[in-house]
N, C-alpha and C. Protein backbone atom coordinates (compact mmCIF):
# COMPACT_ATOMS: atom_id res chain seq x y z
N MET A 1 -85.97 59.98 106.86
CA MET A 1 -87.31 59.75 106.23
C MET A 1 -87.98 58.77 106.80
N MET A 2 -89.52 58.91 106.91
CA MET A 2 -90.48 58.17 107.57
C MET A 2 -90.87 57.29 106.77
N GLN A 3 -90.86 55.92 106.87
CA GLN A 3 -91.32 55.00 105.83
C GLN A 3 -92.37 54.17 106.47
N PRO A 4 -93.48 53.63 105.69
CA PRO A 4 -94.49 52.84 106.63
C PRO A 4 -93.92 51.60 107.08
N GLY A 5 -94.52 51.14 108.16
CA GLY A 5 -94.04 49.97 108.73
C GLY A 5 -95.23 49.12 109.21
N LEU A 6 -94.89 47.91 109.75
CA LEU A 6 -95.90 47.03 110.19
C LEU A 6 -95.58 46.51 111.42
N ILE A 7 -96.39 46.48 112.50
CA ILE A 7 -96.33 46.16 113.92
C ILE A 7 -97.16 44.97 114.06
N ALA A 8 -96.59 43.74 114.37
CA ALA A 8 -97.27 42.67 114.79
C ALA A 8 -97.19 42.19 116.16
N PHE A 9 -97.94 41.74 116.79
CA PHE A 9 -98.02 41.47 118.47
C PHE A 9 -97.84 39.87 118.42
N VAL A 10 -96.78 39.58 119.28
CA VAL A 10 -96.39 38.25 119.37
C VAL A 10 -96.50 38.04 120.80
N PRO A 11 -97.66 36.99 121.30
CA PRO A 11 -97.75 36.77 122.75
C PRO A 11 -96.21 36.37 123.35
N ARG A 12 -96.32 36.86 124.63
CA ARG A 12 -95.03 36.53 125.43
C ARG A 12 -94.53 35.25 125.35
N SER A 13 -95.31 34.23 125.80
CA SER A 13 -95.03 32.89 125.63
C SER A 13 -94.58 32.52 124.58
N SER A 14 -95.10 32.77 123.48
CA SER A 14 -94.62 32.35 121.95
C SER A 14 -92.95 32.96 121.91
N MET A 15 -93.01 34.17 122.00
CA MET A 15 -91.76 34.85 122.25
C MET A 15 -90.57 34.13 122.93
N LEU A 16 -90.89 33.85 124.26
CA LEU A 16 -90.01 33.18 125.14
C LEU A 16 -89.72 31.68 124.65
N GLN A 17 -90.57 30.99 124.01
CA GLN A 17 -90.49 29.60 123.49
C GLN A 17 -89.42 29.77 122.20
N PHE A 18 -89.74 30.75 121.44
CA PHE A 18 -89.07 30.88 120.27
C PHE A 18 -87.62 31.29 120.40
N MET A 19 -87.31 32.33 121.44
CA MET A 19 -85.88 32.35 122.03
C MET A 19 -85.30 31.38 122.73
N HIS A 20 -86.15 30.43 123.39
CA HIS A 20 -85.63 29.34 124.09
C HIS A 20 -85.18 28.36 122.82
N ASP A 21 -85.71 28.10 121.74
CA ASP A 21 -85.54 27.23 120.79
C ASP A 21 -84.27 27.95 119.91
N HIS A 22 -84.28 29.09 119.96
CA HIS A 22 -83.21 29.46 119.10
C HIS A 22 -82.28 30.61 119.75
N ALA A 23 -81.23 30.12 120.13
CA ALA A 23 -80.30 30.78 121.24
C ALA A 23 -79.80 32.15 120.43
N GLU A 24 -79.44 32.15 119.21
CA GLU A 24 -78.92 33.33 118.57
C GLU A 24 -79.88 34.49 118.62
N VAL A 25 -81.08 34.10 118.36
CA VAL A 25 -82.23 35.23 118.47
C VAL A 25 -82.24 35.72 119.96
N ALA A 26 -81.98 34.90 120.91
CA ALA A 26 -81.89 35.24 122.34
C ALA A 26 -80.98 36.06 122.44
N MET A 27 -79.65 35.95 121.90
CA MET A 27 -78.66 36.76 122.22
C MET A 27 -78.79 38.15 121.56
N ARG A 28 -79.34 37.80 120.25
CA ARG A 28 -79.62 39.51 119.58
C ARG A 28 -80.78 40.32 120.46
N VAL A 29 -81.74 39.51 120.90
CA VAL A 29 -82.60 40.38 121.77
C VAL A 29 -81.87 41.02 122.86
N ALA A 30 -81.14 40.03 123.64
CA ALA A 30 -80.43 40.71 124.83
C ALA A 30 -79.45 41.78 124.24
N GLU A 31 -78.55 41.79 123.30
CA GLU A 31 -77.88 42.74 123.11
C GLU A 31 -78.71 44.05 122.51
N HIS A 32 -79.81 43.83 121.77
CA HIS A 32 -80.52 45.07 121.72
C HIS A 32 -81.18 45.59 122.74
N LEU A 33 -81.73 45.01 123.90
CA LEU A 33 -82.11 45.42 125.15
C LEU A 33 -80.94 46.29 125.92
N SER A 34 -79.75 45.69 125.96
CA SER A 34 -78.57 46.39 126.47
C SER A 34 -78.26 47.45 125.80
N ASP A 35 -78.21 47.63 124.31
CA ASP A 35 -78.09 49.03 123.66
C ASP A 35 -78.97 49.90 124.09
N SER A 36 -80.55 49.72 124.20
CA SER A 36 -81.33 50.41 124.56
C SER A 36 -81.20 51.19 125.92
N TYR A 37 -80.85 49.98 126.95
CA TYR A 37 -80.67 50.34 128.29
C TYR A 37 -79.52 51.56 128.27
N TYR A 38 -78.51 50.96 127.54
CA TYR A 38 -77.23 52.17 127.63
C TYR A 38 -77.43 53.42 126.92
N THR A 39 -78.39 53.48 125.86
CA THR A 39 -78.70 54.81 125.23
C THR A 39 -79.55 55.53 126.20
N ALA A 40 -80.64 54.87 127.21
CA ALA A 40 -81.44 55.53 127.90
C ALA A 40 -80.60 56.11 129.14
N HIS A 41 -79.63 55.33 129.67
CA HIS A 41 -78.86 55.69 130.58
C HIS A 41 -77.99 56.84 130.27
N GLU A 42 -77.51 56.96 129.31
CA GLU A 42 -76.64 57.96 128.75
C GLU A 42 -77.49 59.25 128.48
N GLU A 43 -78.74 59.31 128.10
CA GLU A 43 -79.42 60.24 127.96
C GLU A 43 -79.95 60.79 129.50
N VAL A 44 -80.15 60.03 130.42
CA VAL A 44 -80.55 60.30 131.60
C VAL A 44 -79.13 61.13 132.22
N ARG A 45 -77.97 60.58 132.05
CA ARG A 45 -76.82 61.34 132.56
C ARG A 45 -76.65 62.58 131.91
N THR A 46 -76.99 62.79 130.68
CA THR A 46 -76.69 63.96 130.16
C THR A 46 -77.53 65.13 130.29
N LEU A 47 -78.85 64.68 130.65
CA LEU A 47 -79.95 65.58 130.96
C LEU A 47 -80.15 65.68 132.11
N GLY A 48 -80.02 64.69 133.02
CA GLY A 48 -80.41 64.78 134.57
C GLY A 48 -79.32 65.11 135.33
N LEU A 49 -77.97 64.70 134.97
CA LEU A 49 -77.04 64.80 136.01
C LEU A 49 -76.28 66.25 136.00
N ALA A 50 -76.26 66.65 134.43
CA ALA A 50 -75.40 67.73 134.13
C ALA A 50 -76.13 68.78 134.45
N THR A 51 -75.74 69.99 135.39
CA THR A 51 -75.97 70.99 135.81
C THR A 51 -75.72 72.27 134.89
N ASP A 52 -74.57 72.19 134.12
CA ASP A 52 -74.13 73.08 133.44
C ASP A 52 -74.36 73.06 132.17
N THR A 53 -74.86 74.07 131.33
CA THR A 53 -75.28 74.10 130.05
C THR A 53 -73.92 73.91 128.98
N ALA A 54 -72.91 74.41 129.49
CA ALA A 54 -71.69 74.06 128.59
C ALA A 54 -71.26 72.51 128.62
N GLN A 55 -71.51 72.06 129.71
CA GLN A 55 -71.30 70.50 129.90
C GLN A 55 -72.33 69.77 129.07
N LYS A 56 -73.63 70.12 129.25
CA LYS A 56 -74.63 69.29 128.32
C LYS A 56 -74.39 69.43 126.90
N LEU A 57 -73.96 70.59 126.39
CA LEU A 57 -73.65 70.91 125.05
C LEU A 57 -72.43 70.02 124.67
N ALA A 58 -71.26 70.06 125.42
CA ALA A 58 -69.99 69.13 125.20
C ALA A 58 -70.61 67.87 125.05
N ARG A 59 -71.30 67.15 126.02
CA ARG A 59 -71.65 65.92 125.94
C ARG A 59 -72.27 65.46 124.86
N PHE A 60 -73.28 66.46 124.46
CA PHE A 60 -74.05 65.98 123.29
C PHE A 60 -73.23 65.87 121.98
N LEU A 61 -72.30 67.05 121.83
CA LEU A 61 -71.32 66.92 120.70
C LEU A 61 -70.50 65.85 120.82
N LEU A 62 -69.92 65.44 121.64
CA LEU A 62 -68.98 64.30 121.72
C LEU A 62 -69.81 63.01 121.71
N ALA A 63 -71.07 62.93 121.78
CA ALA A 63 -71.81 61.71 121.77
C ALA A 63 -72.18 61.56 120.22
N TRP A 64 -72.43 62.84 119.53
CA TRP A 64 -72.84 62.88 118.46
C TRP A 64 -71.77 62.65 117.00
N TYR A 65 -70.74 63.36 117.61
CA TYR A 65 -69.64 63.10 116.66
C TYR A 65 -68.66 62.12 116.68
N PRO A 66 -68.53 61.47 115.46
CA PRO A 66 -67.70 60.10 115.50
C PRO A 66 -66.17 60.14 116.26
N ARG A 67 -65.86 59.31 116.88
CA ARG A 67 -64.72 59.37 117.96
C ARG A 67 -63.40 59.18 116.87
N THR A 68 -63.54 58.48 115.55
CA THR A 68 -62.58 58.24 114.61
C THR A 68 -62.27 59.40 113.77
N ALA A 69 -63.24 60.50 113.74
CA ALA A 69 -62.82 61.57 112.90
C ALA A 69 -61.54 62.34 113.34
N GLY A 70 -60.88 62.81 112.45
CA GLY A 70 -59.98 63.89 112.56
C GLY A 70 -60.43 65.13 112.92
N LYS A 71 -59.35 65.89 113.54
CA LYS A 71 -59.83 67.15 113.79
C LYS A 71 -60.28 68.15 112.82
N HIS A 72 -59.91 67.86 111.68
CA HIS A 72 -60.22 68.73 110.39
C HIS A 72 -61.41 68.10 109.62
N ALA A 73 -61.81 66.92 110.04
CA ALA A 73 -62.96 66.23 109.19
C ALA A 73 -64.29 66.93 109.65
N GLY A 74 -64.98 67.33 108.59
CA GLY A 74 -66.18 68.13 108.94
C GLY A 74 -67.49 67.09 108.89
N TYR A 75 -68.52 67.20 109.50
CA TYR A 75 -69.92 66.41 109.70
C TYR A 75 -70.82 67.31 109.44
N ALA A 76 -71.82 67.15 108.84
CA ALA A 76 -72.91 67.87 108.50
C ALA A 76 -73.81 67.84 109.94
N LEU A 77 -74.05 68.87 110.53
CA LEU A 77 -74.93 68.87 111.70
C LEU A 77 -76.42 69.18 111.24
N ALA A 78 -77.12 67.99 111.39
CA ALA A 78 -78.34 68.00 110.78
C ALA A 78 -79.45 68.45 111.73
N LEU A 79 -78.97 69.12 112.63
CA LEU A 79 -80.00 69.62 113.77
C LEU A 79 -79.60 71.24 113.77
N THR A 80 -80.73 72.03 114.11
CA THR A 80 -80.57 73.52 114.14
C THR A 80 -80.35 73.74 115.65
N HIS A 81 -79.86 74.69 115.94
CA HIS A 81 -79.63 75.36 117.63
C HIS A 81 -80.89 75.07 118.22
N GLN A 82 -81.96 75.31 117.60
CA GLN A 82 -83.06 75.23 118.40
C GLN A 82 -83.60 73.61 118.67
N GLU A 83 -83.22 72.82 117.80
CA GLU A 83 -83.48 71.45 118.02
C GLU A 83 -82.39 70.84 118.98
N ILE A 84 -81.13 71.25 119.00
CA ILE A 84 -80.24 70.85 119.90
C ILE A 84 -80.57 71.38 121.30
N GLY A 85 -81.16 72.58 121.49
CA GLY A 85 -81.49 73.11 122.58
C GLY A 85 -82.70 72.18 123.11
N GLU A 86 -83.56 71.92 122.19
CA GLU A 86 -84.64 71.21 122.90
C GLU A 86 -84.09 69.69 123.34
N THR A 87 -83.41 69.18 122.64
CA THR A 87 -82.74 67.74 123.02
C THR A 87 -82.05 67.94 124.44
N ILE A 88 -81.32 68.90 124.76
CA ILE A 88 -80.52 68.76 125.81
C ILE A 88 -81.24 69.98 127.10
N ARG A 89 -82.45 70.27 126.48
CA ARG A 89 -83.32 71.01 127.47
C ARG A 89 -82.74 72.44 127.92
N VAL A 90 -82.04 73.34 126.77
CA VAL A 90 -81.75 74.64 127.16
C VAL A 90 -82.34 75.35 126.16
N ALA A 91 -82.19 76.79 126.12
CA ALA A 91 -82.86 77.74 125.05
C ALA A 91 -81.72 77.93 124.11
N ARG A 92 -82.49 78.03 122.98
CA ARG A 92 -81.88 78.21 121.58
C ARG A 92 -80.59 79.16 121.53
N GLN A 93 -80.81 80.32 122.31
CA GLN A 93 -79.90 81.31 122.37
C GLN A 93 -78.78 81.02 123.31
N THR A 94 -78.91 80.10 124.14
CA THR A 94 -77.88 79.75 125.03
C THR A 94 -76.91 78.44 124.13
N VAL A 95 -77.65 77.74 123.41
CA VAL A 95 -77.01 77.02 122.42
C VAL A 95 -76.04 77.71 121.68
N THR A 96 -76.49 78.98 121.00
CA THR A 96 -75.87 79.61 120.10
C THR A 96 -74.57 80.46 120.78
N ARG A 97 -74.97 80.81 122.25
CA ARG A 97 -73.85 81.64 122.89
C ARG A 97 -72.64 80.60 123.13
N ILE A 98 -72.94 79.31 123.57
CA ILE A 98 -71.95 78.40 123.74
C ILE A 98 -71.24 77.83 122.66
N PHE A 99 -72.10 77.64 121.54
CA PHE A 99 -71.27 77.24 120.35
C PHE A 99 -70.24 78.45 120.08
N SER A 100 -70.57 79.73 120.29
CA SER A 100 -69.63 80.68 119.92
C SER A 100 -68.44 80.90 120.99
N GLU A 101 -68.80 80.38 122.20
CA GLU A 101 -67.50 80.33 123.13
C GLU A 101 -66.65 79.11 122.81
N PHE A 102 -67.19 77.98 122.37
CA PHE A 102 -66.34 76.83 122.04
C PHE A 102 -65.51 77.22 120.93
N ARG A 103 -66.15 78.02 119.94
CA ARG A 103 -65.37 78.46 118.48
C ARG A 103 -64.16 79.47 118.92
N LYS A 104 -64.63 80.41 119.95
CA LYS A 104 -63.58 81.33 120.10
C LYS A 104 -62.26 80.59 120.88
N ARG A 105 -62.67 79.35 121.55
CA ARG A 105 -61.59 78.67 122.32
C ARG A 105 -60.98 77.59 121.42
N HIS A 106 -61.39 77.54 120.10
CA HIS A 106 -60.76 76.69 119.06
C HIS A 106 -60.96 75.21 119.49
N MET A 107 -62.33 75.04 120.10
CA MET A 107 -62.53 73.77 120.44
C MET A 107 -63.42 73.04 119.08
N LEU A 108 -64.02 73.82 118.41
CA LEU A 108 -64.61 73.38 117.24
C LEU A 108 -64.85 74.58 116.37
N GLN A 109 -65.11 74.26 115.14
CA GLN A 109 -65.18 75.03 113.87
C GLN A 109 -66.56 74.76 113.04
N THR A 110 -67.16 75.95 112.77
CA THR A 110 -68.32 75.67 111.87
C THR A 110 -68.32 76.40 110.45
N LYS A 111 -68.86 75.66 109.69
CA LYS A 111 -68.95 76.31 108.25
C LYS A 111 -70.33 75.99 107.74
N GLY A 112 -70.92 77.02 107.92
CA GLY A 112 -72.54 76.43 107.49
C GLY A 112 -72.84 75.58 108.34
N SER A 113 -73.42 74.37 107.75
CA SER A 113 -74.06 73.44 108.62
C SER A 113 -72.98 72.28 108.91
N THR A 114 -71.37 72.58 108.63
CA THR A 114 -70.67 71.56 108.74
C THR A 114 -69.89 71.82 110.03
N LEU A 115 -69.83 70.70 111.00
CA LEU A 115 -69.25 71.02 112.49
C LEU A 115 -67.80 70.23 112.30
N SER A 116 -66.82 70.67 112.80
CA SER A 116 -65.58 69.90 113.06
C SER A 116 -65.13 70.35 114.53
N ILE A 117 -64.85 68.80 115.29
CA ILE A 117 -64.34 69.18 116.43
C ILE A 117 -62.91 69.31 116.25
N ARG A 118 -62.34 70.34 116.54
CA ARG A 118 -60.91 70.54 116.64
C ARG A 118 -60.06 70.27 117.90
N ASN A 119 -60.76 70.32 119.15
CA ASN A 119 -60.02 70.00 120.27
C ASN A 119 -61.25 69.03 121.26
N ARG A 120 -60.96 67.86 120.73
CA ARG A 120 -61.84 66.73 121.60
C ARG A 120 -61.51 66.68 123.05
N ARG A 121 -60.24 66.83 123.39
CA ARG A 121 -59.91 66.71 124.63
C ARG A 121 -60.33 67.76 125.52
N ALA A 122 -60.52 69.09 125.10
CA ALA A 122 -60.88 70.17 125.74
C ALA A 122 -62.49 70.07 126.08
N LEU A 123 -63.24 69.39 125.28
CA LEU A 123 -64.51 69.13 125.19
C LEU A 123 -64.87 67.94 126.30
N GLU A 124 -63.87 67.01 126.32
CA GLU A 124 -63.86 65.88 127.12
C GLU A 124 -63.58 66.53 128.58
N GLU A 125 -62.82 67.37 128.81
CA GLU A 125 -62.45 68.08 130.10
C GLU A 125 -63.25 68.71 130.56
N ILE A 126 -64.41 69.52 129.91
CA ILE A 126 -65.33 70.20 130.36
C ILE A 126 -66.41 69.34 131.06
N VAL A 127 -66.60 67.99 130.10
CA VAL A 127 -67.41 67.18 130.81
C VAL A 127 -67.06 66.63 132.05
N HIS A 128 -65.72 66.38 132.18
CA HIS A 128 -65.14 65.68 133.12
C HIS A 128 -65.05 66.66 134.57
N PHE A 129 -64.80 67.91 134.13
CA PHE A 129 -64.41 68.97 135.35
C PHE A 129 -65.99 69.18 135.84
N PHE A 130 -66.96 69.34 135.29
CA PHE A 130 -68.32 69.31 135.87
C PHE A 130 -68.83 68.33 136.52
N HIS A 131 -68.39 67.12 135.84
CA HIS A 131 -68.95 65.91 136.46
C HIS A 131 -68.24 65.63 137.92
N THR A 132 -67.02 65.82 138.07
CA THR A 132 -66.28 65.75 139.33
C THR A 132 -66.64 66.81 140.27
N ARG A 133 -66.99 68.04 139.71
CA ARG A 133 -67.50 69.23 140.53
C ARG A 133 -68.88 68.83 141.11
N GLU A 134 -69.71 68.41 140.24
CA GLU A 134 -71.02 67.92 140.75
C GLU A 134 -70.90 66.84 141.93
N PHE A 135 -70.33 65.94 142.05
CA PHE A 135 -69.89 65.01 143.11
C PHE A 135 -69.13 65.66 144.39
N ASP A 136 -68.23 66.31 143.80
CA ASP A 136 -67.52 67.13 145.08
C ASP A 136 -68.28 68.19 145.86
N ASP A 137 -69.30 68.74 145.10
CA ASP A 137 -70.22 69.58 145.76
C ASP A 137 -71.32 68.99 146.54
N ARG A 138 -71.59 67.59 146.30
CA ARG A 138 -72.53 66.89 147.07
C ARG A 138 -71.81 65.97 148.53
N SER A 139 -70.64 65.99 148.37
CA SER A 139 -69.77 65.21 149.45
C SER A 139 -70.20 66.35 150.75
N PRO A 140 -70.28 65.40 151.80
CA PRO A 140 -70.26 66.12 153.13
C PRO A 140 -69.05 66.67 153.46
N SER A 141 -69.26 67.66 154.13
CA SER A 141 -68.16 68.72 154.49
C SER A 141 -67.28 68.10 155.67
N SER A 142 -65.94 68.39 155.92
CA SER A 142 -65.47 67.67 156.99
C SER A 142 -64.91 68.92 158.18
């Protein structure tokens, strides 16, 4: 849900002085920037380097689904197949087809809008297989 917010401009010199005077603030700013950089890096990896649509969807699901969840724990999937497709840059029909393949291979289970990853390792292998193959395909032939 969107809520009203307030944006305030702080001159660069004032912000730098404030961070210099308050080390804890500087540390939190650095942590926030690091988190933002990592998130952007992962999105570029997911969308830019993945050439296989199954790999894109597997990466998306692994990033979205909590690592601590058991294989029978279900989480509400808040996005439609269309929205997932827009996120990973593939057609809705492709997302639906790959979801179906993943279900047939017992990698995940869906019931309504609830998703359970039943075989996390299999999804991780899809991500790893295509990541390794991409680099193998780019290496010079002997």
